[in-house]
Amino acid sequence: MTSITPVFRIFDYAKAIEFYIDWPGFSIDSILLNLSEHHGDCTPGASACIDGFENLQDYHHLLIKKS
């Protein structure tokens, strides 16, 4: 089986934790994302699709409440 790990460019570690952990409620071990502050690793504005997300509508409503 092939595994793909997207790399997302970040500019500030604390802001990345706020965006990827604190706000959506993810944990460090829930989904494998490679967040990189290294210049040239990737382009800001990247996106990825995550399959198999259960209760997506409930999760969406939770994020709206946090906004």
Protein backbone atom coordinates (compact mmCIF):
# COMPACT_ATOMS: atom_id res chain seq x y z
CA MET A 1 0.00 0.00 0.00
CA THR A 2 1.29 3.46 -0.90
CA SER A 3 1.27 6.14 1.78
CA ILE A 4 1.24 9.87 1.05
CA THR A 5 2.11 12.51 3.66
CA PRO A 6 1.39 16.08 2.55
CA VAL A 7 3.77 18.83 3.65
CA PHE A 8 2.20 22.14 4.70
CA ARG A 9 4.28 25.28 5.00
CA ILE A 10 4.00 27.08 8.32
CA PHE A 11 5.59 30.35 9.38
CA ASP A 12 5.03 30.18 13.13
CA TYR A 13 4.97 27.00 15.26
CA ALA A 14 2.65 28.43 17.93
CA LYS A 15 0.16 29.61 15.29
CA ALA A 16 0.32 26.20 13.60
CA ILE A 17 -0.55 24.46 16.89
CA GLU A 18 -3.42 26.91 17.38
CA PHE A 19 -4.72 26.26 13.85
CA TYR A 20 -4.16 22.47 13.57
CA ILE A 21 -4.61 21.39 17.22
CA ASP A 22 -6.45 23.94 19.37
CA TRP A 23 -9.13 25.12 16.94
CA PRO A 24 -10.13 21.89 15.10
CA GLY A 25 -9.60 19.67 18.15
CA PHE A 26 -7.06 17.39 16.45
CA SER A 27 -4.36 15.71 18.48
CA ILE A 28 -0.72 15.36 17.58
CA ASP A 29 -1.24 11.71 16.62
CA SER A 30 -4.66 11.84 14.89
CA ILE A 31 -3.60 12.55 11.30
CA LEU A 32 -0.11 12.56 9.89
CA LEU A 33 0.73 16.00 8.51
CA ASN A 34 4.24 17.27 7.93
CA LEU A 35 4.36 20.93 8.99
CA SER A 36 7.55 22.64 7.91
CA GLU A 37 9.02 26.07 8.64
CA HIS A 38 11.93 25.43 6.27
CA HIS A 39 12.11 27.80 3.31
CA GLY A 40 11.46 26.02 0.02
CA ASP A 41 9.88 22.86 1.46
CA CYS A 42 6.47 23.62 -0.02
CA THR A 43 4.16 26.40 -1.10
CA PRO A 44 1.70 28.21 1.21
CA GLY A 45 -1.91 27.49 0.29
CA ALA A 46 -1.58 23.73 -0.23
CA SER A 47 -4.56 21.45 0.37
CA ALA A 48 -5.22 17.77 0.98
CA CYS A 49 -8.27 15.51 1.11
CA ILE A 50 -8.86 13.27 4.12
CA ASP A 51 -11.11 10.26 3.46
CA GLY A 52 -13.13 8.33 6.01
CA PHE A 53 -14.09 11.25 8.25
CA GLU A 54 -17.04 10.14 10.40
CA ASN A 55 -19.74 12.57 11.60
CA LEU A 56 -18.45 15.34 9.34
CA GLN A 57 -21.60 17.49 9.71
CA ASP A 58 -21.35 17.40 13.52
CA TYR A 59 -17.69 18.34 13.32
CA HIS A 60 -18.49 21.19 10.92
CA HIS A 61 -21.08 22.59 13.35
CA LEU A 62 -18.53 22.39 16.18
CA LEU A 63 -16.01 24.44 14.16
CA ILE A 64 -18.66 27.03 13.30
CA LYS A 65 -19.42 27.46 17.01
CA LYS A 66 -15.71 28.09 17.66
CA SER A 67 -15.53 30.79 14.98
